[in-house]
N, C-alpha and C. Protein backbone atom coordinates (compact mmCIF):
# COMPACT_ATOMS: atom_id res chain seq x y z
N MET A 1 -34.95 34.19 3.63
CA MET A 1 -34.41 33.45 2.51
C MET A 1 -33.02 32.91 2.81
N GLY A 2 -32.33 33.44 3.76
CA GLY A 2 -31.03 32.91 4.13
C GLY A 2 -29.97 33.26 3.10
N ARG A 3 -28.90 32.46 3.10
CA ARG A 3 -27.76 32.77 2.25
C ARG A 3 -27.65 31.85 1.05
N LYS A 4 -28.59 30.96 0.85
CA LYS A 4 -28.51 30.05 -0.29
C LYS A 4 -28.54 30.84 -1.58
N GLY A 5 -27.68 30.45 -2.50
CA GLY A 5 -27.64 31.12 -3.79
C GLY A 5 -26.75 32.36 -3.80
N VAL A 6 -26.39 32.86 -2.61
CA VAL A 6 -25.51 34.02 -2.54
C VAL A 6 -24.08 33.51 -2.44
N SER A 7 -23.26 33.94 -3.38
CA SER A 7 -21.88 33.48 -3.40
C SER A 7 -20.94 34.62 -3.01
N GLU A 8 -20.32 34.47 -1.86
CA GLU A 8 -19.35 35.46 -1.42
C GLU A 8 -18.00 35.07 -1.99
N PRO A 9 -17.18 36.06 -2.32
CA PRO A 9 -15.84 35.72 -2.81
C PRO A 9 -15.04 35.03 -1.71
N LEU A 10 -14.24 34.07 -2.10
CA LEU A 10 -13.43 33.35 -1.14
C LEU A 10 -12.30 34.25 -0.64
N ARG A 11 -12.15 34.31 0.65
CA ARG A 11 -11.07 35.10 1.22
C ARG A 11 -9.79 34.28 1.31
N TYR A 12 -9.94 32.97 1.30
CA TYR A 12 -8.78 32.07 1.24
C TYR A 12 -9.28 30.70 0.80
N GLN A 13 -8.36 29.90 0.30
CA GLN A 13 -8.67 28.53 -0.06
C GLN A 13 -7.37 27.74 -0.12
N PHE A 14 -7.51 26.44 -0.21
CA PHE A 14 -6.37 25.57 -0.40
C PHE A 14 -6.54 24.89 -1.75
N VAL A 15 -5.49 24.96 -2.56
CA VAL A 15 -5.56 24.49 -3.94
C VAL A 15 -4.53 23.37 -4.14
N TYR A 16 -4.99 22.27 -4.74
CA TYR A 16 -4.09 21.13 -4.96
C TYR A 16 -3.00 21.51 -5.96
N ASN A 17 -1.75 21.24 -5.58
CA ASN A 17 -0.60 21.48 -6.44
C ASN A 17 -0.10 20.12 -6.90
N GLU A 18 -0.26 19.86 -8.18
CA GLU A 18 0.08 18.54 -8.71
C GLU A 18 1.56 18.23 -8.55
N ARG A 19 2.41 19.20 -8.77
CA ARG A 19 3.86 18.99 -8.67
C ARG A 19 4.24 18.56 -7.25
N MET A 20 3.68 19.24 -6.27
CA MET A 20 4.02 18.94 -4.88
C MET A 20 3.25 17.76 -4.32
N GLY A 21 2.07 17.50 -4.87
CA GLY A 21 1.26 16.40 -4.39
C GLY A 21 0.48 16.74 -3.12
N ILE A 22 0.35 18.02 -2.83
CA ILE A 22 -0.41 18.47 -1.65
C ILE A 22 -1.21 19.71 -2.01
N GLN A 23 -2.13 20.08 -1.12
CA GLN A 23 -2.85 21.35 -1.29
C GLN A 23 -2.00 22.45 -0.67
N LEU A 24 -1.98 23.60 -1.35
CA LEU A 24 -1.24 24.75 -0.84
C LEU A 24 -2.20 25.90 -0.58
N PRO A 25 -1.88 26.73 0.40
CA PRO A 25 -2.77 27.85 0.70
C PRO A 25 -2.75 28.90 -0.40
N ASP A 26 -3.91 29.42 -0.71
CA ASP A 26 -4.05 30.55 -1.62
C ASP A 26 -4.65 31.67 -0.77
N LEU A 27 -3.78 32.56 -0.31
CA LEU A 27 -4.18 33.62 0.61
C LEU A 27 -3.99 34.97 -0.08
N PRO A 28 -5.04 35.45 -0.74
CA PRO A 28 -4.91 36.70 -1.50
C PRO A 28 -4.73 37.95 -0.63
N LEU A 29 -5.08 37.86 0.63
CA LEU A 29 -4.96 39.00 1.53
C LEU A 29 -3.68 38.88 2.36
N ALA A 30 -3.23 40.00 2.89
CA ALA A 30 -2.12 39.96 3.84
C ALA A 30 -2.60 39.22 5.09
N TRP A 31 -1.70 38.51 5.75
CA TRP A 31 -2.05 37.69 6.92
C TRP A 31 -2.81 38.52 7.95
N GLU A 32 -2.40 39.76 8.14
CA GLU A 32 -3.01 40.63 9.14
C GLU A 32 -4.45 41.00 8.79
N GLU A 33 -4.83 40.86 7.52
CA GLU A 33 -6.19 41.21 7.09
C GLU A 33 -7.22 40.13 7.41
N TYR A 34 -6.76 38.95 7.76
CA TYR A 34 -7.68 37.88 8.13
C TYR A 34 -8.08 38.04 9.59
N THR A 35 -9.32 37.67 9.89
CA THR A 35 -9.79 37.75 11.28
C THR A 35 -9.08 36.68 12.10
N PRO A 36 -9.05 36.84 13.42
CA PRO A 36 -8.45 35.79 14.25
C PRO A 36 -9.09 34.42 14.02
N THR A 37 -10.40 34.38 13.78
CA THR A 37 -11.07 33.11 13.50
C THR A 37 -10.59 32.52 12.18
N GLU A 38 -10.50 33.36 11.16
CA GLU A 38 -10.01 32.88 9.86
C GLU A 38 -8.57 32.37 9.99
N ARG A 39 -7.75 33.10 10.70
CA ARG A 39 -6.36 32.67 10.89
C ARG A 39 -6.31 31.31 11.56
N ALA A 40 -7.12 31.14 12.59
CA ALA A 40 -7.14 29.85 13.30
C ALA A 40 -7.61 28.73 12.36
N ASP A 41 -8.64 29.02 11.56
CA ASP A 41 -9.14 28.01 10.60
C ASP A 41 -8.08 27.67 9.56
N ILE A 42 -7.40 28.69 9.06
CA ILE A 42 -6.35 28.48 8.06
C ILE A 42 -5.24 27.63 8.65
N LEU A 43 -4.80 28.00 9.85
CA LEU A 43 -3.71 27.25 10.50
C LEU A 43 -4.10 25.82 10.80
N LEU A 44 -5.35 25.61 11.20
CA LEU A 44 -5.82 24.25 11.49
C LEU A 44 -5.82 23.40 10.21
N GLU A 45 -6.37 23.96 9.15
CA GLU A 45 -6.40 23.21 7.88
C GLU A 45 -4.98 22.98 7.37
N TRP A 46 -4.14 24.01 7.46
CA TRP A 46 -2.76 23.86 6.99
C TRP A 46 -2.02 22.81 7.81
N GLU A 47 -2.26 22.75 9.12
CA GLU A 47 -1.58 21.77 9.95
C GLU A 47 -1.92 20.35 9.52
N GLU A 48 -3.16 20.13 9.12
CA GLU A 48 -3.56 18.80 8.62
C GLU A 48 -2.81 18.46 7.34
N ILE A 49 -2.72 19.42 6.44
CA ILE A 49 -2.01 19.21 5.18
C ILE A 49 -0.52 19.06 5.45
N ARG A 50 0.00 19.94 6.27
CA ARG A 50 1.43 19.97 6.60
C ARG A 50 1.89 18.64 7.19
N SER A 51 1.03 18.00 7.96
CA SER A 51 1.39 16.74 8.60
C SER A 51 1.63 15.62 7.59
N THR A 52 1.17 15.79 6.35
CA THR A 52 1.38 14.77 5.31
C THR A 52 2.71 14.96 4.58
N ILE A 53 3.36 16.10 4.78
CA ILE A 53 4.58 16.41 4.03
C ILE A 53 5.71 15.41 4.30
N PRO A 54 6.01 15.04 5.55
CA PRO A 54 7.12 14.09 5.76
C PRO A 54 6.93 12.77 5.00
N ASP A 55 5.72 12.23 4.99
CA ASP A 55 5.47 10.98 4.25
C ASP A 55 5.66 11.19 2.75
N ARG A 56 5.23 12.34 2.27
CA ARG A 56 5.40 12.66 0.84
C ARG A 56 6.89 12.72 0.50
N ILE A 57 7.68 13.33 1.37
CA ILE A 57 9.13 13.42 1.15
C ILE A 57 9.76 12.03 1.15
N ILE A 58 9.34 11.17 2.07
CA ILE A 58 9.88 9.81 2.13
C ILE A 58 9.63 9.07 0.83
N LYS A 59 8.41 9.22 0.27
CA LYS A 59 8.09 8.56 -1.00
C LYS A 59 8.95 9.09 -2.14
N LEU A 60 9.15 10.40 -2.16
CA LEU A 60 9.98 11.00 -3.21
C LEU A 60 11.43 10.55 -3.07
N GLU A 61 11.92 10.46 -1.84
CA GLU A 61 13.29 9.99 -1.62
C GLU A 61 13.46 8.55 -2.09
N ALA A 62 12.44 7.73 -1.87
CA ALA A 62 12.50 6.33 -2.34
C ALA A 62 12.56 6.29 -3.86
N THR A 63 11.81 7.16 -4.51
CA THR A 63 11.84 7.22 -5.97
C THR A 63 13.21 7.68 -6.46
N ILE A 64 13.80 8.66 -5.78
CA ILE A 64 15.15 9.10 -6.13
C ILE A 64 16.13 7.94 -6.01
N ASN A 65 16.03 7.19 -4.92
CA ASN A 65 16.93 6.04 -4.73
C ASN A 65 16.79 5.02 -5.86
N GLU A 66 15.55 4.76 -6.28
CA GLU A 66 15.32 3.84 -7.40
C GLU A 66 15.98 4.36 -8.67
N LYS A 67 15.80 5.64 -8.94
CA LYS A 67 16.36 6.23 -10.15
C LYS A 67 17.89 6.26 -10.10
N GLN A 68 18.46 6.48 -8.90
CA GLN A 68 19.91 6.45 -8.77
C GLN A 68 20.45 5.04 -9.03
N SER A 69 19.70 4.03 -8.60
CA SER A 69 20.10 2.65 -8.88
C SER A 69 20.06 2.37 -10.38
N GLN A 70 18.99 2.85 -11.02
CA GLN A 70 18.89 2.69 -12.47
C GLN A 70 20.04 3.41 -13.17
N LEU A 71 20.37 4.60 -12.68
CA LEU A 71 21.42 5.40 -13.29
C LEU A 71 22.77 4.70 -13.20
N SER A 72 23.03 4.05 -12.07
CA SER A 72 24.32 3.39 -11.89
C SER A 72 24.50 2.21 -12.84
N GLU A 73 23.38 1.67 -13.35
CA GLU A 73 23.45 0.53 -14.26
C GLU A 73 23.19 0.91 -15.72
N GLU A 74 22.76 2.15 -15.94
CA GLU A 74 22.38 2.59 -17.28
C GLU A 74 23.61 2.87 -18.14
N GLU A 75 23.59 2.35 -19.37
CA GLU A 75 24.70 2.57 -20.30
C GLU A 75 24.33 3.53 -21.42
N ASN A 76 23.04 3.76 -21.59
CA ASN A 76 22.55 4.65 -22.64
C ASN A 76 22.66 6.10 -22.15
N PHE A 77 23.56 6.89 -22.80
CA PHE A 77 23.82 8.25 -22.33
C PHE A 77 22.56 9.13 -22.32
N PRO A 78 21.74 9.14 -23.36
CA PRO A 78 20.52 9.96 -23.29
C PRO A 78 19.61 9.56 -22.13
N ARG A 79 19.51 8.27 -21.85
CA ARG A 79 18.70 7.83 -20.72
C ARG A 79 19.31 8.27 -19.40
N CYS A 80 20.65 8.26 -19.32
CA CYS A 80 21.33 8.76 -18.11
C CYS A 80 20.98 10.23 -17.89
N CYS A 81 20.95 10.99 -18.97
CA CYS A 81 20.59 12.42 -18.86
C CYS A 81 19.15 12.57 -18.38
N GLU A 82 18.25 11.74 -18.90
CA GLU A 82 16.85 11.78 -18.46
C GLU A 82 16.74 11.46 -16.97
N LEU A 83 17.42 10.41 -16.55
CA LEU A 83 17.37 10.02 -15.14
C LEU A 83 17.92 11.13 -14.25
N ASN A 84 19.04 11.73 -14.66
CA ASN A 84 19.60 12.84 -13.89
C ASN A 84 18.61 13.99 -13.78
N SER A 85 17.93 14.28 -14.86
CA SER A 85 16.94 15.35 -14.87
C SER A 85 15.77 15.02 -13.93
N GLU A 86 15.30 13.78 -13.98
CA GLU A 86 14.20 13.34 -13.12
C GLU A 86 14.61 13.41 -11.64
N ILE A 87 15.83 12.98 -11.34
CA ILE A 87 16.34 13.03 -9.97
C ILE A 87 16.41 14.48 -9.50
N HIS A 88 16.91 15.35 -10.35
CA HIS A 88 17.02 16.77 -10.02
C HIS A 88 15.63 17.36 -9.72
N GLU A 89 14.64 17.03 -10.54
CA GLU A 89 13.28 17.56 -10.32
C GLU A 89 12.70 17.05 -9.00
N LEU A 90 12.89 15.77 -8.71
CA LEU A 90 12.40 15.21 -7.45
C LEU A 90 13.07 15.88 -6.25
N ALA A 91 14.38 16.12 -6.36
CA ALA A 91 15.10 16.80 -5.28
C ALA A 91 14.58 18.23 -5.11
N SER A 92 14.25 18.88 -6.21
CA SER A 92 13.70 20.23 -6.15
C SER A 92 12.34 20.24 -5.45
N ILE A 93 11.51 19.23 -5.73
CA ILE A 93 10.21 19.12 -5.07
C ILE A 93 10.40 18.92 -3.57
N ILE A 94 11.34 18.05 -3.20
CA ILE A 94 11.62 17.83 -1.77
C ILE A 94 12.04 19.13 -1.11
N ASN A 95 12.90 19.89 -1.77
CA ASN A 95 13.33 21.17 -1.22
C ASN A 95 12.14 22.11 -1.01
N ASP A 96 11.26 22.19 -2.01
CA ASP A 96 10.07 23.04 -1.90
C ASP A 96 9.14 22.56 -0.78
N LEU A 97 8.98 21.26 -0.65
CA LEU A 97 8.15 20.72 0.43
C LEU A 97 8.72 21.06 1.80
N ASN A 98 10.04 21.01 1.92
CA ASN A 98 10.68 21.39 3.19
C ASN A 98 10.42 22.85 3.51
N ILE A 99 10.45 23.70 2.50
CA ILE A 99 10.14 25.12 2.71
C ILE A 99 8.70 25.27 3.17
N TRP A 100 7.76 24.59 2.50
CA TRP A 100 6.35 24.67 2.90
C TRP A 100 6.14 24.11 4.30
N PHE A 101 6.91 23.09 4.66
CA PHE A 101 6.77 22.49 5.99
C PHE A 101 7.08 23.52 7.08
N ARG A 102 7.99 24.45 6.80
CA ARG A 102 8.37 25.47 7.78
C ARG A 102 7.41 26.66 7.81
N VAL A 103 6.49 26.76 6.86
CA VAL A 103 5.58 27.90 6.78
C VAL A 103 4.75 28.03 8.05
N GLN A 104 4.31 26.95 8.62
CA GLN A 104 3.49 26.97 9.84
C GLN A 104 4.14 27.80 10.92
N GLN A 105 5.41 27.58 11.15
CA GLN A 105 6.11 28.30 12.22
C GLN A 105 6.11 29.80 11.94
N ASP A 106 6.28 30.18 10.68
CA ASP A 106 6.29 31.60 10.32
C ASP A 106 4.96 32.26 10.66
N TYR A 107 3.84 31.61 10.33
CA TYR A 107 2.54 32.18 10.60
C TYR A 107 2.22 32.20 12.09
N GLU A 108 2.63 31.16 12.80
CA GLU A 108 2.39 31.15 14.24
C GLU A 108 3.15 32.28 14.92
N THR A 109 4.36 32.55 14.45
CA THR A 109 5.15 33.64 15.02
C THR A 109 4.45 34.97 14.78
N LYS A 110 3.94 35.18 13.56
CA LYS A 110 3.22 36.42 13.25
C LYS A 110 1.96 36.55 14.11
N THR A 111 1.27 35.45 14.33
CA THR A 111 0.03 35.46 15.10
C THR A 111 0.28 35.85 16.56
N HIS A 112 1.40 35.42 17.11
CA HIS A 112 1.65 35.66 18.53
C HIS A 112 2.42 36.96 18.79
N GLN A 113 2.70 37.72 17.77
CA GLN A 113 3.44 38.98 17.99
C GLN A 113 2.50 40.09 18.38
C-alpha cells in the first residue's frame, strides 16, 4: 500500500514571513537532532532563500529613500510622524534580514565542528 495517506509530522519546514517578505526556517528540533541528510536539505533550501535577501534589502532601502524624500517636503506634522514610523519599521526589517542572512554561517560552523 505504500505511504499514501500516511501523514508523518514535519520535522522542519519553511514558513513565509509577511513582514520580512521571505520564507523562514521553522526548526522545532535542536540542530543536532536532524540527520546529516536533513541538515544538508535544510541548508540547501535556506541557501536558495538566503540568496534573495540582498535584493529584498535593496528594495526596502529604495522605499526608505522615497519616504525620506517625502519627509523632507512634508509640512503636516502627523504625516511626518507616520513617515518616521514607516522608515523606522523598514529599517528594523532590514536589520532582521541582515541577521537572517548571517544564519547560514552559524549552521555551517555547527555542522563542521
